[in-house]
Amino acid sequence: MPSVTRRSKSTRAQRRDEARARLLQVVEHMLDKGESFTELSVERIVQAAGMSRSTFYVYFEDKGDLLRAWFSEINDELVAAAAYWWKIDGDSTREDVRAVLARIVRTYRPHTTLMAATYDAAAYDTSVRGLVADMMKGNVASLRKHIRAGQQAGFIDPELPAAQTSAWLTWMAERGLHQLVRRAGDTELKGLIDAYAAIVWNTLYAPTRR
């Protein structure tokens, strides 16, 4: 039988998750109307959410803490989606590559507004900036590892410098997700995924298929 302390922690975590979801929905709505996250005050956010300031500060240190709690969860989703990429091997086709990249793009797409807010907050919040930096370092490192493993196995171009190529492809994708996918409709999104897959296929895998 769970202890009172354990039940209490579980209940608090559940209430924090519920508060976070409510607050983020309000923030997303405000941002979609053209407001900047840097200009939103905690007072305005909680007022729109029908929540007291005291309740907000029970669960979050500030609005940056609200984003940090959300960002860690979304980053886990993106890491899980990217894991399918690292399974690409010498038997994989261009369509296989497109499929795994489409999974990443479609995982990111519902969160573009709040991701944009995270990047805005990173400009002045060092803890948010640290999370974003760690995410990018992790993404670069994972792709670098995949490139080196593929070069050893013979299905990725051996002439590519793994460190530089992984950095270029990762930062290119980050900017594309932030600037292009964020504003794309369904038809345009398909074309963006096609282009992304072509770039990755032709850069990494196509030279060994000739």
Protein backbone atom coordinates (compact mmCIF):
# COMPACT_ATOMS: atom_id res chain seq x y z
CA MET A 1 0.00 0.00 0.00
CA PRO A 2 1.55 3.33 -1.04
CA SER A 3 2.57 5.68 1.73
CA VAL A 4 0.82 8.99 2.33
CA THR A 5 4.00 10.82 1.26
CA ARG A 6 4.16 8.92 -2.04
CA ARG A 7 0.48 9.57 -2.76
CA SER A 8 0.98 13.24 -1.90
CA LYS A 9 3.91 13.55 -4.33
CA SER A 10 1.92 11.80 -7.04
CA THR A 11 -1.06 14.12 -6.55
CA ARG A 12 1.17 17.20 -6.63
CA ALA A 13 2.84 16.04 -9.84
CA GLN A 14 -0.55 15.44 -11.43
CA ARG A 15 -1.78 18.89 -10.43
CA ARG A 16 1.43 20.44 -11.76
CA ASP A 17 0.93 18.67 -15.11
CA GLU A 18 -2.66 19.88 -15.26
CA ALA A 19 -1.61 23.45 -14.44
CA ARG A 20 1.16 23.31 -17.03
CA ALA A 21 -1.22 22.10 -19.75
CA ARG A 22 -3.71 24.85 -18.94
CA LEU A 23 -1.10 27.59 -18.86
CA LEU A 24 0.64 26.44 -22.04
CA GLN A 25 -2.67 26.38 -23.89
CA VAL A 26 -3.17 30.02 -22.92
CA VAL A 27 0.39 30.95 -23.88
CA GLU A 28 0.04 29.21 -27.25
CA HIS A 29 -3.20 31.07 -27.93
CA MET A 30 -1.58 34.42 -27.15
CA LEU A 31 1.44 33.66 -29.32
CA ASP A 32 -0.78 32.58 -32.21
CA LYS A 33 -2.40 36.01 -32.00
CA GLY A 34 0.99 37.58 -32.63
CA GLU A 35 2.24 38.32 -29.14
CA SER A 36 5.84 37.72 -28.08
CA PHE A 37 6.65 35.38 -25.22
CA THR A 38 9.23 37.83 -23.88
CA GLU A 39 6.47 40.44 -23.48
CA LEU A 40 3.97 38.16 -21.72
CA SER A 41 3.85 38.62 -17.97
CA VAL A 42 2.96 35.93 -15.47
CA GLU A 43 0.06 38.14 -14.40
CA ARG A 44 -1.47 38.13 -17.88
CA ILE A 45 -0.91 34.41 -18.35
CA VAL A 46 -2.55 33.37 -15.09
CA GLN A 47 -5.38 35.83 -15.56
CA ALA A 48 -6.21 34.37 -18.96
CA ALA A 49 -5.94 30.85 -17.51
CA GLY A 50 -8.26 31.66 -14.61
CA MET A 51 -5.50 30.85 -12.14
CA SER A 52 -4.08 32.79 -9.21
CA ARG A 53 -0.48 33.95 -9.12
CA SER A 54 0.01 32.05 -5.87
CA THR A 55 -1.07 28.80 -7.55
CA PHE A 56 1.31 29.46 -10.45
CA TYR A 57 4.24 29.94 -8.09
CA VAL A 58 3.44 26.76 -6.17
CA TYR A 59 4.41 24.80 -9.28
CA PHE A 60 6.73 27.07 -11.29
CA GLU A 61 9.52 29.48 -10.43
CA ASP A 62 8.72 31.76 -13.36
CA LYS A 63 7.42 31.56 -16.92
CA GLY A 64 10.80 30.19 -18.05
CA ASP A 65 10.35 27.28 -15.63
CA LEU A 66 6.97 26.62 -17.25
CA LEU A 67 8.68 26.27 -20.63
CA ARG A 68 11.51 24.17 -19.23
CA ALA A 69 9.05 21.63 -17.82
CA TRP A 70 7.33 21.39 -21.21
CA PHE A 71 10.52 21.36 -23.27
CA SER A 72 12.02 18.35 -21.54
CA GLU A 73 8.92 16.29 -22.34
CA ILE A 74 8.83 17.35 -26.01
CA ASN A 75 12.55 16.74 -26.40
CA ASP A 76 11.99 13.17 -25.23
CA GLU A 77 9.36 12.75 -27.98
CA LEU A 78 11.77 14.07 -30.60
CA VAL A 79 14.60 11.82 -29.40
CA ALA A 80 12.24 8.84 -29.66
CA ALA A 81 11.26 9.85 -33.21
CA ALA A 82 14.90 10.34 -34.25
CA ALA A 83 15.79 6.86 -32.95
CA TYR A 84 14.19 5.41 -36.09
CA TRP A 85 16.78 7.30 -38.17
CA TRP A 86 19.65 5.55 -36.42
CA LYS A 87 18.24 2.20 -37.61
CA ILE A 88 18.81 3.14 -41.27
CA ASP A 89 21.38 0.75 -42.79
CA GLY A 90 22.72 -0.53 -46.08
CA ASP A 91 19.43 -2.16 -47.00
CA SER A 92 17.37 0.99 -46.41
CA THR A 93 15.87 2.86 -49.37
CA ARG A 94 15.31 6.51 -50.06
CA GLU A 95 11.67 6.00 -49.05
CA ASP A 96 12.82 4.55 -45.73
CA VAL A 97 14.87 7.69 -45.13
CA ARG A 98 11.93 9.88 -46.05
CA ALA A 99 9.68 7.98 -43.66
CA VAL A 100 11.94 8.45 -40.64
CA LEU A 101 12.48 12.15 -41.40
CA ALA A 102 8.74 12.63 -41.86
CA ARG A 103 8.24 11.11 -38.41
CA ILE A 104 10.58 13.70 -36.90
CA VAL A 105 8.93 16.59 -38.74
CA ARG A 106 5.42 15.48 -37.80
CA THR A 107 6.43 15.03 -34.16
CA TYR A 108 7.79 18.59 -34.12
CA ARG A 109 5.01 20.25 -36.07
CA PRO A 110 2.26 20.44 -33.39
CA HIS A 111 4.68 22.22 -31.07
CA THR A 112 6.10 24.89 -33.38
CA THR A 113 4.51 27.82 -31.54
CA LEU A 114 5.83 26.82 -28.12
CA MET A 115 9.21 25.85 -29.58
CA ALA A 116 9.41 29.38 -30.98
CA ALA A 117 8.64 30.70 -27.49
CA THR A 118 11.43 28.52 -26.10
CA TYR A 119 13.92 30.01 -28.55
CA ASP A 120 12.72 33.51 -27.61
CA ALA A 121 13.17 32.72 -23.91
CA ALA A 122 16.64 31.30 -24.55
CA ALA A 123 17.79 34.78 -25.53
CA TYR A 124 17.50 35.99 -21.92
CA ASP A 125 16.96 32.90 -19.73
CA THR A 126 20.23 31.04 -19.23
CA SER A 127 18.56 27.85 -18.00
CA VAL A 128 16.32 27.68 -21.09
CA ARG A 129 19.33 28.45 -23.27
CA GLY A 130 21.17 25.59 -21.61
CA LEU A 131 18.36 23.16 -22.40
CA VAL A 132 18.29 24.21 -26.05
CA ALA A 133 22.07 23.97 -26.30
CA ASP A 134 22.06 20.51 -24.73
CA MET A 135 19.36 19.38 -27.15
CA MET A 136 21.36 20.53 -30.15
CA LYS A 137 24.58 18.97 -28.84
CA GLY A 138 22.76 15.70 -28.33
CA ASN A 139 21.26 15.79 -31.81
CA VAL A 140 24.62 16.52 -33.43
CA ALA A 141 26.31 13.78 -31.42
CA SER A 142 23.67 11.18 -32.35
CA LEU A 143 23.92 11.97 -36.06
CA ARG A 144 27.73 11.98 -35.89
CA LYS A 145 27.67 8.52 -34.32
CA HIS A 146 25.29 7.28 -37.05
CA ILE A 147 27.50 8.71 -39.80
CA ARG A 148 30.64 7.11 -38.42
CA ALA A 149 28.90 3.75 -37.95
CA GLY A 150 27.53 3.98 -41.51
CA GLN A 151 30.96 4.80 -42.90
CA GLN A 152 32.46 1.78 -41.17
CA ALA A 153 29.63 -0.43 -42.47
CA GLY A 154 29.95 1.00 -45.99
CA PHE A 155 26.51 2.58 -46.47
CA ILE A 156 27.46 6.23 -45.84
CA ASP A 157 29.88 8.21 -47.98
CA PRO A 158 33.34 7.60 -46.44
CA GLU A 159 34.64 10.93 -47.74
CA LEU A 160 32.32 12.96 -45.51
CA PRO A 161 33.80 14.60 -42.40
CA ALA A 162 31.43 13.19 -39.79
CA ALA A 163 31.65 16.00 -37.23
CA GLN A 164 31.12 18.86 -39.66
CA THR A 165 28.45 17.06 -41.70
CA SER A 166 26.43 16.18 -38.61
CA ALA A 167 26.63 19.79 -37.38
CA TRP A 168 25.54 21.22 -40.74
CA LEU A 169 22.64 18.81 -41.21
CA THR A 170 21.41 19.23 -37.62
CA TRP A 171 21.46 23.03 -37.62
CA MET A 172 19.95 23.14 -41.11
CA ALA A 173 17.08 20.95 -39.89
CA GLU A 174 16.60 23.04 -36.74
CA ARG A 175 16.24 26.24 -38.74
CA GLY A 176 13.98 24.55 -41.27
CA LEU A 177 11.67 23.21 -38.58
CA HIS A 178 11.54 26.59 -36.88
CA GLN A 179 11.16 28.81 -39.95
CA LEU A 180 9.56 26.63 -42.65
CA VAL A 181 7.53 23.87 -41.00
CA ARG A 182 6.09 26.35 -38.53
CA ARG A 183 4.26 28.20 -41.29
CA ALA A 184 3.58 25.38 -43.75
CA GLY A 185 0.19 24.02 -44.76
CA ASP A 186 -0.34 20.32 -45.40
CA THR A 187 0.57 20.44 -49.10
CA GLU A 188 3.66 22.56 -48.51
CA LEU A 189 4.69 20.31 -45.64
CA LYS A 190 4.83 17.32 -47.98
CA GLY A 191 7.16 19.22 -50.29
CA LEU A 192 9.36 20.28 -47.37
CA ILE A 193 9.69 16.67 -46.22
CA ASP A 194 10.52 15.57 -49.78
CA ALA A 195 13.25 18.21 -49.98
CA TYR A 196 14.64 17.36 -46.55
CA ALA A 197 14.78 13.65 -47.45
CA ALA A 198 16.50 14.43 -50.77
CA ILE A 199 19.17 16.49 -49.03
CA VAL A 200 19.89 13.81 -46.44
CA TRP A 201 19.76 10.93 -48.94
CA ASN A 202 22.04 12.61 -51.47
CA THR A 203 24.46 13.80 -48.80
CA LEU A 204 24.83 10.61 -46.76
CA TYR A 205 23.63 7.54 -48.57
CA ALA A 206 23.39 8.03 -52.35
CA PRO A 207 27.16 8.02 -53.03
CA THR A 208 27.45 4.43 -51.78
CA ARG A 209 24.51 3.24 -53.90
CA ARG A 210 26.12 4.14 -57.24
